[in-house]
PDB file of all heavy atoms in Angstrom:
ATOM      1  N   LYS A   1      -3.136  -5.485   0.971  1.00  0.00           N
ATOM      2  CA  LYS A   1      -3.165  -5.985  -0.413  1.00  0.00           C
ATOM      3  C   LYS A   1      -4.584  -6.395  -0.795  1.00  0.00           C
ATOM      4  O   LYS A   1      -5.066  -6.055  -1.881  1.00  0.00           O
ATOM      5  CB  LYS A   1      -2.203  -7.160  -0.559  1.00  0.00           C
ATOM      6  CG  LYS A   1      -2.288  -7.872  -1.893  1.00  0.00           C
ATOM      7  CD  LYS A   1      -1.322  -9.042  -1.972  1.00  0.00           C
ATOM      8  CE  LYS A   1      -1.765 -10.111  -1.009  1.00  0.00           C
ATOM      9  NZ  LYS A   1      -0.944 -11.319  -1.039  1.00  0.00           N
ATOM     10  N   ASP A   2      -5.269  -7.099   0.093  1.00  0.00           N
ATOM     11  CA  ASP A   2      -6.643  -7.524  -0.202  1.00  0.00           C
ATOM     12  C   ASP A   2      -7.588  -6.339  -0.298  1.00  0.00           C
ATOM     13  O   ASP A   2      -8.525  -6.341  -1.109  1.00  0.00           O
ATOM     14  CB  ASP A   2      -7.127  -8.510   0.856  1.00  0.00           C
ATOM     15  CG  ASP A   2      -6.353  -9.823   0.818  1.00  0.00           C
ATOM     16  OD1 ASP A   2      -5.942 -10.247  -0.275  1.00  0.00           O
ATOM     17  OD2 ASP A   2      -6.151 -10.419   1.892  1.00  0.00           O
ATOM     18  N   LEU A   3      -7.341  -5.312   0.495  1.00  0.00           N
ATOM     19  CA  LEU A   3      -8.154  -4.096   0.393  1.00  0.00           C
ATOM     20  C   LEU A   3      -7.902  -3.389  -0.933  1.00  0.00           C
ATOM     21  O   LEU A   3      -8.837  -2.898  -1.574  1.00  0.00           O
ATOM     22  CB  LEU A   3      -7.863  -3.164   1.572  1.00  0.00           C
ATOM     23  CG  LEU A   3      -8.303  -3.681   2.943  1.00  0.00           C
ATOM     24  CD1 LEU A   3      -7.768  -2.782   4.048  1.00  0.00           C
ATOM     25  CD2 LEU A   3      -9.815  -3.804   3.011  1.00  0.00           C
ATOM     26  N   CYS A   4      -6.640  -3.330  -1.364  1.00  0.00           N
ATOM     27  CA  CYS A   4      -6.317  -2.705  -2.656  1.00  0.00           C
ATOM     28  C   CYS A   4      -7.021  -3.419  -3.808  1.00  0.00           C
ATOM     29  O   CYS A   4      -7.476  -2.784  -4.763  1.00  0.00           O
ATOM     30  CB  CYS A   4      -4.812  -2.708  -2.895  1.00  0.00           C
ATOM     31  SG  CYS A   4      -3.911  -1.548  -1.864  1.00  0.00           S
ATOM     32  N   GLU A   5      -7.113  -4.741  -3.713  1.00  0.00           N
ATOM     33  CA  GLU A   5      -7.753  -5.515  -4.775  1.00  0.00           C
ATOM     34  C   GLU A   5      -9.230  -5.164  -4.936  1.00  0.00           C
ATOM     35  O   GLU A   5      -9.804  -5.359  -6.005  1.00  0.00           O
ATOM     36  CB  GLU A   5      -7.574  -7.014  -4.522  1.00  0.00           C
ATOM     37  CG  GLU A   5      -6.149  -7.491  -4.733  1.00  0.00           C
ATOM     38  CD  GLU A   5      -5.653  -7.269  -6.156  1.00  0.00           C
ATOM     39  OE1 GLU A   5      -6.368  -7.640  -7.109  1.00  0.00           O
ATOM     40  OE2 GLU A   5      -4.552  -6.708  -6.303  1.00  0.00           O
ATOM     41  N   LEU A   6      -9.846  -4.617  -3.900  1.00  0.00           N
ATOM     42  CA  LEU A   6     -11.258  -4.222  -3.985  1.00  0.00           C
ATOM     43  C   LEU A   6     -11.485  -3.104  -4.987  1.00  0.00           C
ATOM     44  O   LEU A   6     -12.607  -2.914  -5.467  1.00  0.00           O
ATOM     45  CB  LEU A   6     -11.776  -3.780  -2.615  1.00  0.00           C
ATOM     46  CG  LEU A   6     -11.792  -4.833  -1.515  1.00  0.00           C
ATOM     47  CD1 LEU A   6     -12.224  -4.202  -0.189  1.00  0.00           C
ATOM     48  CD2 LEU A   6     -12.700  -5.995  -1.891  1.00  0.00           C
ATOM     49  N   VAL A   7     -10.421  -2.340  -5.312  1.00  0.00           N
ATOM     50  CA  VAL A   7     -10.554  -1.231  -6.262  1.00  0.00           C
ATOM     51  C   VAL A   7      -9.655  -1.418  -7.483  1.00  0.00           C
ATOM     52  O   VAL A   7      -9.299  -0.467  -8.159  1.00  0.00           O
ATOM     53  CB  VAL A   7     -10.278   0.132  -5.582  1.00  0.00           C
ATOM     54  CG1 VAL A   7     -11.346   0.449  -4.560  1.00  0.00           C
ATOM     55  CG2 VAL A   7      -8.884   0.173  -4.967  1.00  0.00           C
ATOM     56  N   GLY A   8      -9.267  -2.659  -7.752  1.00  0.00           N
ATOM     57  CA  GLY A   8      -8.484  -2.927  -8.953  1.00  0.00           C
ATOM     58  C   GLY A   8      -7.010  -3.180  -8.720  1.00  0.00           C
ATOM     59  O   GLY A   8      -6.273  -3.411  -9.663  1.00  0.00           O
ATOM     60  N   GLY A   9      -6.567  -3.141  -7.474  1.00  0.00           N
ATOM     61  CA  GLY A   9      -5.182  -3.466  -7.154  1.00  0.00           C
ATOM     62  C   GLY A   9      -4.177  -2.404  -7.546  1.00  0.00           C
ATOM     63  O   GLY A   9      -4.533  -1.329  -8.020  1.00  0.00           O
ATOM     64  N   MET A  10      -2.920  -2.726  -7.304  1.00  0.00           N
ATOM     65  CA  MET A  10      -1.803  -1.827  -7.603  1.00  0.00           C
ATOM     66  C   MET A  10      -0.962  -2.420  -8.731  1.00  0.00           C
ATOM     67  O   MET A  10      -0.914  -3.628  -8.909  1.00  0.00           O
ATOM     68  CB  MET A  10      -0.896  -1.659  -6.372  1.00  0.00           C
ATOM     69  CG  MET A  10      -1.509  -0.916  -5.222  1.00  0.00           C
ATOM     70  SD  MET A  10      -0.413  -0.896  -3.758  1.00  0.00           S
ATOM     71  CE  MET A  10       0.940   0.145  -4.330  1.00  0.00           C
ATOM     72  N   SER A  11      -0.267  -1.556  -9.454  1.00  0.00           N
ATOM     73  CA  SER A  11       0.739  -1.949 -10.431  1.00  0.00           C
ATOM     74  C   SER A  11       2.100  -1.692  -9.814  1.00  0.00           C
ATOM     75  O   SER A  11       2.213  -0.892  -8.871  1.00  0.00           O
ATOM     76  CB  SER A  11       0.586  -1.111 -11.708  1.00  0.00           C
ATOM     77  OG  SER A  11      -0.675  -1.343 -12.282  1.00  0.00           O
ATOM     78  N   PRO A  12       3.156  -2.330 -10.328  1.00  0.00           N
ATOM     79  CA  PRO A  12       4.485  -2.178  -9.727  1.00  0.00           C
ATOM     80  C   PRO A  12       4.975  -0.734  -9.577  1.00  0.00           C
ATOM     81  O   PRO A  12       5.771  -0.453  -8.691  1.00  0.00           O
ATOM     82  CB  PRO A  12       5.390  -2.976 -10.664  1.00  0.00           C
ATOM     83  CG  PRO A  12       4.488  -4.042 -11.198  1.00  0.00           C
ATOM     84  CD  PRO A  12       3.145  -3.365 -11.369  1.00  0.00           C
ATOM     85  N   ASP A  13       4.499   0.181 -10.391  1.00  0.00           N
ATOM     86  CA  ASP A  13       4.928   1.580 -10.286  1.00  0.00           C
ATOM     87  C   ASP A  13       4.044   2.418  -9.365  1.00  0.00           C
ATOM     88  O   ASP A  13       4.308   3.593  -9.144  1.00  0.00           O
ATOM     89  CB  ASP A  13       4.958   2.240 -11.671  1.00  0.00           C
ATOM     90  CG  ASP A  13       6.031   1.647 -12.562  1.00  0.00           C
ATOM     91  OD1 ASP A  13       7.033   1.132 -12.030  1.00  0.00           O
ATOM     92  OD2 ASP A  13       5.852   1.684 -13.797  1.00  0.00           O
ATOM     93  N   ASP A  14       2.988   1.826  -8.833  1.00  0.00           N
ATOM     94  CA  ASP A  14       2.052   2.552  -7.975  1.00  0.00           C
ATOM     95  C   ASP A  14       2.585   2.703  -6.554  1.00  0.00           C
ATOM     96  O   ASP A  14       3.442   1.947  -6.111  1.00  0.00           O
ATOM     97  CB  ASP A  14       0.714   1.822  -7.890  1.00  0.00           C
ATOM     98  CG  ASP A  14      -0.070   1.859  -9.185  1.00  0.00           C
ATOM     99  OD1 ASP A  14       0.277   2.638 -10.077  1.00  0.00           O
ATOM    100  OD2 ASP A  14      -1.039   1.085  -9.293  1.00  0.00           O
ATOM    101  N   THR A  15       2.035   3.672  -5.858  1.00  0.00           N
ATOM    102  CA  THR A  15       2.280   3.831  -4.427  1.00  0.00           C
ATOM    103  C   THR A  15       0.928   3.860  -3.727  1.00  0.00           C
ATOM    104  O   THR A  15      -0.098   4.131  -4.340  1.00  0.00           O
ATOM    105  CB  THR A  15       3.044   5.130  -4.086  1.00  0.00           C
ATOM    106  OG1 THR A  15       2.290   6.245  -4.573  1.00  0.00           O
ATOM    107  CG2 THR A  15       4.430   5.138  -4.689  1.00  0.00           C
ATOM    108  N   ILE A  16       0.972   3.574  -2.449  1.00  0.00           N
ATOM    109  CA  ILE A  16      -0.243   3.629  -1.637  1.00  0.00           C
ATOM    110  C   ILE A  16      -0.022   4.650  -0.534  1.00  0.00           C
ATOM    111  O   ILE A  16       1.075   4.752   0.012  1.00  0.00           O
ATOM    112  CB  ILE A  16      -0.599   2.249  -1.056  1.00  0.00           C
ATOM    113  CG1 ILE A  16      -1.942   2.299  -0.321  1.00  0.00           C
ATOM    114  CG2 ILE A  16       0.498   1.718  -0.159  1.00  0.00           C
ATOM    115  CD1 ILE A  16      -2.466   0.938   0.080  1.00  0.00           C
ATOM    116  N   ASP A  17      -1.043   5.407  -0.248  1.00  0.00           N
ATOM    117  CA  ASP A  17      -0.994   6.399   0.814  1.00  0.00           C
ATOM    118  C   ASP A  17      -1.966   5.945   1.897  1.00  0.00           C
ATOM    119  O   ASP A  17      -3.165   5.864   1.650  1.00  0.00           O
ATOM    120  CB  ASP A  17      -1.402   7.768   0.267  1.00  0.00           C
ATOM    121  CG  ASP A  17      -1.274   8.881   1.276  1.00  0.00           C
ATOM    122  OD1 ASP A  17      -0.471   8.772   2.210  1.00  0.00           O
ATOM    123  OD2 ASP A  17      -1.990   9.887   1.120  1.00  0.00           O
ATOM    124  N   ILE A  18      -1.439   5.628   3.062  1.00  0.00           N
ATOM    125  CA  ILE A  18      -2.279   5.241   4.192  1.00  0.00           C
ATOM    126  C   ILE A  18      -2.559   6.515   4.987  1.00  0.00           C
ATOM    127  O   ILE A  18      -1.628   7.186   5.426  1.00  0.00           O
ATOM    128  CB  ILE A  18      -1.576   4.203   5.100  1.00  0.00           C
ATOM    129  CG1 ILE A  18      -1.106   2.998   4.301  1.00  0.00           C
ATOM    130  CG2 ILE A  18      -2.479   3.823   6.276  1.00  0.00           C
ATOM    131  CD1 ILE A  18      -2.179   2.050   3.864  1.00  0.00           C
ATOM    132  N   LYS A  19      -3.817   6.849   5.155  1.00  0.00           N
ATOM    133  CA  LYS A  19      -4.203   8.088   5.834  1.00  0.00           C
ATOM    134  C   LYS A  19      -5.033   7.776   7.073  1.00  0.00           C
ATOM    135  O   LYS A  19      -5.844   6.868   7.066  1.00  0.00           O
ATOM    136  CB  LYS A  19      -5.043   8.969   4.914  1.00  0.00           C
ATOM    137  CG  LYS A  19      -4.318   9.475   3.714  1.00  0.00           C
ATOM    138  CD  LYS A  19      -5.217  10.358   2.876  1.00  0.00           C
ATOM    139  CE  LYS A  19      -4.477  10.861   1.657  1.00  0.00           C
ATOM    140  NZ  LYS A  19      -5.323  11.728   0.837  1.00  0.00           N
ATOM    141  N   SER A  20      -4.839   8.592   8.093  1.00  0.00           N
ATOM    142  CA  SER A  20      -5.658   8.456   9.292  1.00  0.00           C
ATOM    143  C   SER A  20      -6.555   9.669   9.443  1.00  0.00           C
ATOM    144  O   SER A  20      -6.348  10.697   8.801  1.00  0.00           O
ATOM    145  CB  SER A  20      -4.775   8.268  10.527  1.00  0.00           C
ATOM    146  OG  SER A  20      -4.034   9.434  10.779  1.00  0.00           O
ATOM    147  N   GLU A  21      -7.527   9.538  10.304  1.00  0.00           N
ATOM    148  CA  GLU A  21      -8.499  10.596  10.538  1.00  0.00           C
ATOM    149  C   GLU A  21      -7.843  11.901  10.978  1.00  0.00           C
ATOM    150  O   GLU A  21      -8.316  12.983  10.669  1.00  0.00           O
ATOM    151  CB  GLU A  21      -9.485  10.115  11.600  1.00  0.00           C
ATOM    152  CG  GLU A  21     -10.583  11.080  11.915  1.00  0.00           C
ATOM    153  CD  GLU A  21     -11.498  10.495  12.974  1.00  0.00           C
ATOM    154  OE1 GLU A  21     -11.025  10.205  14.083  1.00  0.00           O
ATOM    155  OE2 GLU A  21     -12.681  10.326  12.673  1.00  0.00           O
ATOM    156  N   ASP A  22      -6.731  11.802  11.714  1.00  0.00           N
ATOM    157  CA  ASP A  22      -6.076  12.996  12.241  1.00  0.00           C
ATOM    158  C   ASP A  22      -5.187  13.702  11.220  1.00  0.00           C
ATOM    159  O   ASP A  22      -4.533  14.683  11.543  1.00  0.00           O
ATOM    160  CB  ASP A  22      -5.268  12.655  13.494  1.00  0.00           C
ATOM    161  CG  ASP A  22      -4.125  11.697  13.236  1.00  0.00           C
ATOM    162  OD1 ASP A  22      -3.825  11.410  12.059  1.00  0.00           O
ATOM    163  OD2 ASP A  22      -3.526  11.220  14.208  1.00  0.00           O
ATOM    164  N   GLY A  23      -5.146  13.186   9.984  1.00  0.00           N
ATOM    165  CA  GLY A  23      -4.366  13.830   8.943  1.00  0.00           C
ATOM    166  C   GLY A  23      -2.999  13.206   8.714  1.00  0.00           C
ATOM    167  O   GLY A  23      -2.334  13.516   7.733  1.00  0.00           O
ATOM    168  N   PHE A  24      -2.549  12.329   9.602  1.00  0.00           N
ATOM    169  CA  PHE A  24      -1.263  11.665   9.393  1.00  0.00           C
ATOM    170  C   PHE A  24      -1.375  10.740   8.196  1.00  0.00           C
ATOM    171  O   PHE A  24      -2.373  10.046   8.024  1.00  0.00           O
ATOM    172  CB  PHE A  24      -0.862  10.866  10.639  1.00  0.00           C
ATOM    173  CG  PHE A  24       0.450  10.151  10.476  1.00  0.00           C
ATOM    174  CD1 PHE A  24       1.637  10.851  10.613  1.00  0.00           C
ATOM    175  CD2 PHE A  24       0.487   8.810  10.173  1.00  0.00           C
ATOM    176  CE1 PHE A  24       2.851  10.207  10.449  1.00  0.00           C
ATOM    177  CE2 PHE A  24       1.696   8.155  10.009  1.00  0.00           C
ATOM    178  CZ  PHE A  24       2.883   8.856  10.147  1.00  0.00           C
ATOM    179  N   SER A  25      -0.361  10.734   7.345  1.00  0.00           N
ATOM    180  CA  SER A  25      -0.344   9.809   6.219  1.00  0.00           C
ATOM    181  C   SER A  25       1.085   9.400   5.924  1.00  0.00           C
ATOM    182  O   SER A  25       2.036  10.100   6.282  1.00  0.00           O
ATOM    183  CB  SER A  25      -0.988  10.438   4.978  1.00  0.00           C
ATOM    184  OG  SER A  25      -0.171  11.455   4.450  1.00  0.00           O
ATOM    185  N   THR A  26       1.215   8.268   5.291  1.00  0.00           N
ATOM    186  CA  THR A  26       2.519   7.779   4.881  1.00  0.00           C
ATOM    187  C   THR A  26       2.346   6.931   3.628  1.00  0.00           C
ATOM    188  O   THR A  26       1.302   6.299   3.444  1.00  0.00           O
ATOM    189  CB  THR A  26       3.208   6.987   6.024  1.00  0.00           C
ATOM    190  OG1 THR A  26       4.557   6.725   5.668  1.00  0.00           O
ATOM    191  CG2 THR A  26       2.478   5.715   6.339  1.00  0.00           C
ATOM    192  N   ASP A  27       3.352   6.966   2.764  1.00  0.00           N
ATOM    193  CA  ASP A  27       3.302   6.256   1.485  1.00  0.00           C
ATOM    194  C   ASP A  27       4.137   4.982   1.530  1.00  0.00           C
ATOM    195  O   ASP A  27       5.171   4.929   2.206  1.00  0.00           O
ATOM    196  CB  ASP A  27       3.861   7.134   0.358  1.00  0.00           C
ATOM    197  CG  ASP A  27       3.045   8.382   0.123  1.00  0.00           C
ATOM    198  OD1 ASP A  27       1.870   8.415   0.527  1.00  0.00           O
ATOM    199  OD2 ASP A  27       3.578   9.325  -0.483  1.00  0.00           O
ATOM    200  N   PHE A  28       3.697   3.991   0.767  1.00  0.00           N
ATOM    201  CA  PHE A  28       4.429   2.742   0.612  1.00  0.00           C
ATOM    202  C   PHE A  28       4.413   2.347  -0.849  1.00  0.00           C
ATOM    203  O   PHE A  28       3.457   2.640  -1.572  1.00  0.00           O
ATOM    204  CB  PHE A  28       3.780   1.616   1.434  1.00  0.00           C
ATOM    205  CG  PHE A  28       3.819   1.865   2.905  1.00  0.00           C
ATOM    206  CD1 PHE A  28       2.730   2.412   3.558  1.00  0.00           C
ATOM    207  CD2 PHE A  28       4.954   1.560   3.644  1.00  0.00           C
ATOM    208  CE1 PHE A  28       2.767   2.646   4.919  1.00  0.00           C
ATOM    209  CE2 PHE A  28       4.998   1.797   5.010  1.00  0.00           C
ATOM    210  CZ  PHE A  28       3.904   2.344   5.643  1.00  0.00           C
ATOM    211  N   GLY A  29       5.435   1.638  -1.270  1.00  0.00           N
ATOM    212  CA  GLY A  29       5.513   1.153  -2.637  1.00  0.00           C
ATOM    213  C   GLY A  29       4.834  -0.200  -2.801  1.00  0.00           C
ATOM    214  O   GLY A  29       4.448  -0.863  -1.832  1.00  0.00           O
ATOM    215  N   TYR A  30       4.732  -0.591  -4.030  1.00  0.00           N
ATOM    216  CA  TYR A  30       4.112  -1.856  -4.413  1.00  0.00           C
ATOM    217  C   TYR A  30       4.741  -3.028  -3.663  1.00  0.00           C
ATOM    218  O   TYR A  30       4.041  -3.906  -3.172  1.00  0.00           O
ATOM    219  CB  TYR A  30       4.277  -2.028  -5.929  1.00  0.00           C
ATOM    220  CG  TYR A  30       3.760  -3.329  -6.468  1.00  0.00           C
ATOM    221  CD1 TYR A  30       2.443  -3.449  -6.886  1.00  0.00           C
ATOM    222  CD2 TYR A  30       4.593  -4.447  -6.589  1.00  0.00           C
ATOM    223  CE1 TYR A  30       1.959  -4.642  -7.400  1.00  0.00           C
ATOM    224  CE2 TYR A  30       4.119  -5.643  -7.095  1.00  0.00           C
ATOM    225  CZ  TYR A  30       2.801  -5.735  -7.504  1.00  0.00           C
ATOM    226  OH  TYR A  30       2.328  -6.925  -8.002  1.00  0.00           O
ATOM    227  N   ARG A  31       6.065  -3.065  -3.580  1.00  0.00           N
ATOM    228  CA  ARG A  31       6.761  -4.181  -2.927  1.00  0.00           C
ATOM    229  C   ARG A  31       6.328  -4.327  -1.472  1.00  0.00           C
ATOM    230  O   ARG A  31       6.138  -5.435  -0.987  1.00  0.00           O
ATOM    231  CB  ARG A  31       8.280  -3.981  -3.010  1.00  0.00           C
ATOM    232  CG  ARG A  31       9.059  -5.132  -2.388  1.00  0.00           C
ATOM    233  CD  ARG A  31      10.557  -4.970  -2.536  1.00  0.00           C
ATOM    234  NE  ARG A  31      11.195  -4.071  -1.604  1.00  0.00           N
ATOM    235  CZ  ARG A  31      11.444  -4.337  -0.317  1.00  0.00           C
ATOM    236  NH1 ARG A  31      11.058  -5.447   0.219  1.00  0.00           N
ATOM    237  NH2 ARG A  31      12.065  -3.481   0.448  1.00  0.00           N
ATOM    238  N   ASN A  32       6.171  -3.210  -0.762  1.00  0.00           N
ATOM    239  CA  ASN A  32       5.742  -3.283   0.632  1.00  0.00           C
ATOM    240  C   ASN A  32       4.362  -3.920   0.780  1.00  0.00           C
ATOM    241  O   ASN A  32       4.088  -4.604   1.763  1.00  0.00           O
ATOM    242  CB  ASN A  32       5.709  -1.903   1.278  1.00  0.00           C
ATOM    243  CG  ASN A  32       7.065  -1.280   1.388  1.00  0.00           C
ATOM    244  OD1 ASN A  32       7.380  -0.372   0.623  1.00  0.00           O
ATOM    245  ND2 ASN A  32       7.885  -1.754   2.297  1.00  0.00           N
ATOM    246  N   VAL A  33       3.502  -3.689  -0.200  1.00  0.00           N
ATOM    247  CA  VAL A  33       2.128  -4.182  -0.135  1.00  0.00           C
ATOM    248  C   VAL A  33       1.999  -5.591  -0.711  1.00  0.00           C
ATOM    249  O   VAL A  33       1.375  -6.453  -0.103  1.00  0.00           O
ATOM    250  CB  VAL A  33       1.165  -3.224  -0.881  1.00  0.00           C
ATOM    251  CG1 VAL A  33      -0.261  -3.747  -0.880  1.00  0.00           C
ATOM    252  CG2 VAL A  33       1.228  -1.828  -0.277  1.00  0.00           C
ATOM    253  N   TYR A  34       2.603  -5.828  -1.884  1.00  0.00           N
ATOM    254  CA  TYR A  34       2.391  -7.081  -2.596  1.00  0.00           C
ATOM    255  C   TYR A  34       3.495  -8.124  -2.426  1.00  0.00           C
ATOM    256  O   TYR A  34       3.253  -9.309  -2.643  1.00  0.00           O
ATOM    257  CB  TYR A  34       2.186  -6.808  -4.091  1.00  0.00           C
ATOM    258  CG  TYR A  34       0.783  -6.354  -4.389  1.00  0.00           C
ATOM    259  CD1 TYR A  34       0.419  -5.023  -4.225  1.00  0.00           C
ATOM    260  CD2 TYR A  34      -0.186  -7.250  -4.798  1.00  0.00           C
ATOM    261  CE1 TYR A  34      -0.875  -4.605  -4.480  1.00  0.00           C
ATOM    262  CE2 TYR A  34      -1.483  -6.842  -5.054  1.00  0.00           C
ATOM    263  CZ  TYR A  34      -1.816  -5.512  -4.889  1.00  0.00           C
ATOM    264  OH  TYR A  34      -3.101  -5.108  -5.130  1.00  0.00           O
ATOM    265  N   ASN A  35       4.686  -7.715  -2.093  1.00  0.00           N
ATOM    266  CA  ASN A  35       5.791  -8.664  -1.965  1.00  0.00           C
ATOM    267  C   ASN A  35       6.697  -8.252  -0.807  1.00  0.00           C
ATOM    268  O   ASN A  35       7.881  -8.004  -0.998  1.00  0.00           O
ATOM    269  CB  ASN A  35       6.572  -8.719  -3.286  1.00  0.00           C
ATOM    270  CG  ASN A  35       7.560  -9.855  -3.324  1.00  0.00           C
ATOM    271  OD1 ASN A  35       7.385 -10.852  -2.646  1.00  0.00           O
ATOM    272  ND2 ASN A  35       8.607  -9.692  -4.107  1.00  0.00           N
ATOM    273  N   PRO A  36       6.144  -8.179   0.400  1.00  0.00           N
ATOM    274  CA  PRO A  36       6.944  -7.683   1.518  1.00  0.00           C
ATOM    275  C   PRO A  36       8.040  -8.657   1.935  1.00  0.00           C
ATOM    276  O   PRO A  36       7.854  -9.875   1.874  1.00  0.00           O
ATOM    277  CB  PRO A  36       5.917  -7.510   2.645  1.00  0.00           C
ATOM    278  CG  PRO A  36       4.842  -8.498   2.323  1.00  0.00           C
ATOM    279  CD  PRO A  36       4.784  -8.548   0.819  1.00  0.00           C
ATOM    280  N   ASP A  37       9.157  -8.109   2.349  1.00  0.00           N
ATOM    281  CA  ASP A  37      10.214  -8.898   2.941  1.00  0.00           C
ATOM    282  C   ASP A  37       9.619  -9.559   4.187  1.00  0.00           C
ATOM    283  O   ASP A  37       8.831  -8.934   4.907  1.00  0.00           O
ATOM    284  CB  ASP A  37      11.364  -7.958   3.319  1.00  0.00           C
ATOM    285  CG  ASP A  37      12.557  -8.685   3.861  1.00  0.00           C
ATOM    286  OD1 ASP A  37      12.460  -9.213   4.995  1.00  0.00           O
ATOM    287  OD2 ASP A  37      13.592  -8.715   3.179  1.00  0.00           O
ATOM    288  N   PRO A  38       9.978 -10.809   4.503  1.00  0.00           N
ATOM    289  CA  PRO A  38       9.435 -11.458   5.698  1.00  0.00           C
ATOM    290  C   PRO A  38       9.701 -10.675   6.987  1.00  0.00           C
ATOM    291  O   PRO A  38       8.904 -10.733   7.918  1.00  0.00           O
ATOM    292  CB  PRO A  38      10.149 -12.815   5.728  1.00  0.00           C
ATOM    293  CG  PRO A  38      10.515 -13.073   4.310  1.00  0.00           C
ATOM    294  CD  PRO A  38      10.816 -11.719   3.725  1.00  0.00           C
ATOM    295  N   ARG A  39      10.798  -9.922   7.019  1.00  0.00           N
ATOM    296  CA  ARG A  39      11.081  -9.121   8.216  1.00  0.00           C
ATOM    297  C   ARG A  39      10.104  -7.960   8.341  1.00  0.00           C
ATOM    298  O   ARG A  39       9.955  -7.398   9.405  1.00  0.00           O
ATOM    299  CB  ARG A  39      12.513  -8.616   8.196  1.00  0.00           C
ATOM    300  CG  ARG A  39      13.487  -9.770   8.444  1.00  0.00           C
ATOM    301  CD  ARG A  39      14.869  -9.281   8.583  1.00  0.00           C
ATOM    302  NE  ARG A  39      15.047  -8.658   9.880  1.00  0.00           N
ATOM    303  CZ  ARG A  39      16.199  -8.216  10.313  1.00  0.00           C
ATOM    304  NH1 ARG A  39      17.275  -8.315   9.559  1.00  0.00           N
ATOM    305  NH2 ARG A  39      16.294  -7.662  11.497  1.00  0.00           N
ATOM    306  N   GLN A  40       9.464  -7.566   7.250  1.00  0.00           N
ATOM    307  CA  GLN A  40       8.391  -6.571   7.318  1.00  0.00           C
ATOM    308  C   GLN A  40       7.079  -7.289   7.563  1.00  0.00           C
ATOM    309  O   GLN A  40       6.324  -6.936   8.442  1.00  0.00           O
ATOM    310  CB  GLN A  40       8.281  -5.769   6.025  1.00  0.00           C
ATOM    311  CG  GLN A  40       7.052  -4.852   6.032  1.00  0.00           C
ATOM    312  CD  GLN A  40       6.642  -4.367   4.672  1.00  0.00           C
ATOM    313  OE1 GLN A  40       7.444  -3.790   3.955  1.00  0.00           O
ATOM    314  NE2 GLN A  40       5.391  -4.599   4.313  1.00  0.00           N
TER     315      GLN A  40
END
């Protein structure tokens, strides 16, 4: 979340794509980043 804020943050309809050097990537929604369940 703090890293996202460096470029203007996310809006509730946005998704984030986490990418690694080897090409693996996965997407997460706003809730996962800004309002995660405590179990996450």
